[in-house]
Amino acid sequence: WYCHHRHLSIGAACVIIDISLERQSRLIIMSKVRIQNAKVSIGCSPSPREGWTSHRFNIREFRDLTNVKTQYAEAPEFTCNGHEWALEFYPGGNNLATEGCVSIYVSLRSGKNASAMYEITLLDKFGNAVRVKQSTMLCFGSTTFNSVAIGWHNFIKRSFILDASNNILDINGTLAIVVSMKEESTAVFVPQNPLLNTIQEMFNDDKTADVCFEVANGADEVEKDEQIAGGSTSFHAHTLILKKCAPMLADLVSNGGEKGGMISVQVSDVQPDIFRHLLWYVYGGKTAEDTLKAHAKDIIDAADKYSIVNLKLEAEAAYVESTTFTAENVLDNLLYADATNLALLKEAAIDFIAGNGEQIIDEVTFSLIPGRLMKDLVVATTRRVKESKNEVTTDMKLMRVSELRRKLNEKGLDVDGSREAMIASLIRSESVGINASLLEAEDELNEDEDENNAEEE
């Protein structure tokens, strides 16, 4: 190890530990500048791997990011082994990188020191691993500088990412990176609350259930553990769980069953395999990412029909992430999103139209686009102009769907609906908050006035 110091005039000072295979690891004090307005978001959770915690990050519009050295984009912090970490991504490399190379580091954000073994995987647009680099067990430690980061300065060539023939970036220019960190086996083990496991053990349990859904069989194969009889697949459930977690499914349950007996409900508009995903989610289960992508539309339609909102939004996110928009399919996706109230999919389709005008003019029949969607197009165009100028806006009318949903969720409000409905709900909640504050202030003034009057008497 050796230390190389240079005088810093801009940005932040940090300690970088380079573990590239090309040369001996080095400890370097360097300057870095965070790229403002870089669009880095959390993607769908990767398939679980025993002993590892993985997080996927999507870097949108990668080709538009600066290639100036030492400038970096930062992903949202994640937690592993009791510490907070962050991914630092240098699209033009740091000051150690060979010209034209991308640098990637993991930074410790909490605690005085920590040891970790981690892996960084770059995916293509189909979700396949293109470049994987894994560290040995390394020690992160706090210093008098801002942070300690460990990673690779020559992770991959920028030109390889931008080459369309390599299929790295999707149609929206999004680059996907997965950070996996080895879980510490020496950490103090504390069992989790067993309630979730207990509820999941009740899934499709005919011994404790009081409801049996008879789902008409289609052409698709069904799971082996379901009972198949009379052209339908049986799924057993519990009225109490349905009432709390899936009220619309609970509404299907007839009151005509004998006291203490099993109530039978016929379902004919959902395939058995899709209904199984629906019911498993109601019992706290999670559908694998690959399954969500493969059956996204069917799951969206069923979850929308029975108002299982979070599953619908998960499937929508998986569909958007796995869809490559083209001039040929963007209209179908836009109309489907509008009909099913899929705000995220609608935003993605509108963004594609706003950014690919020359292709769209010749391929899309504009008479088929409902006039009410013109406002969404204007919003996308305006936002695109502001983002190109690196302008930051807090105007709700220009916020992205994910941000609107996040704000609604924080306030305990319904996150399902169009952009207009979400914005209106947020405005109403703010108005209620302001009115409540005014009423509290008025009550305090009245109390003070009553006290003054009492003193005078």
Foldseek 3Di string as FASTA:
>chain_A
DDEDDDDDDDAFWEWEWAPDPVDHTDTYIDHAAEDFPFDKAWADAADDDPQKGKTKIKGFPLVPDDLDARYWYKHDWDDAQHFIKIKTKRLNFHPVADGQAIWIKMWTDDDFKDKWKKKKFWAALQGHTDFIDIDDTDMFGDDPGDTYIYTHRRRDGSVCCVPVVNRQAFQRRMIMMMMMIGHDPPPDDDDDDCPLVVLLVCWQPPVPFQEKEWEAADPDDADPPWDDDDRTTITGDHLVLCVVQQVLVNVQFDPPDDVVHHTYGYHYPAHRVLVSQVSSVSSVDDDHLVVLCVCLVRNLVVCLVRVNPVSNLSSLSSPLSNDRDDLQCLVVQLVVCVVSQPAQSNLSSLLSCLVPVVRNVPRPDCVPDDPVCVLSNVLSNVLVVCVSVSHDDPDLSNDGLVVLLVVCVVVVHDSGHHSVVSVVVVVVVVVVVVVVVVVVVVVVVVVVVVVVVVVVD
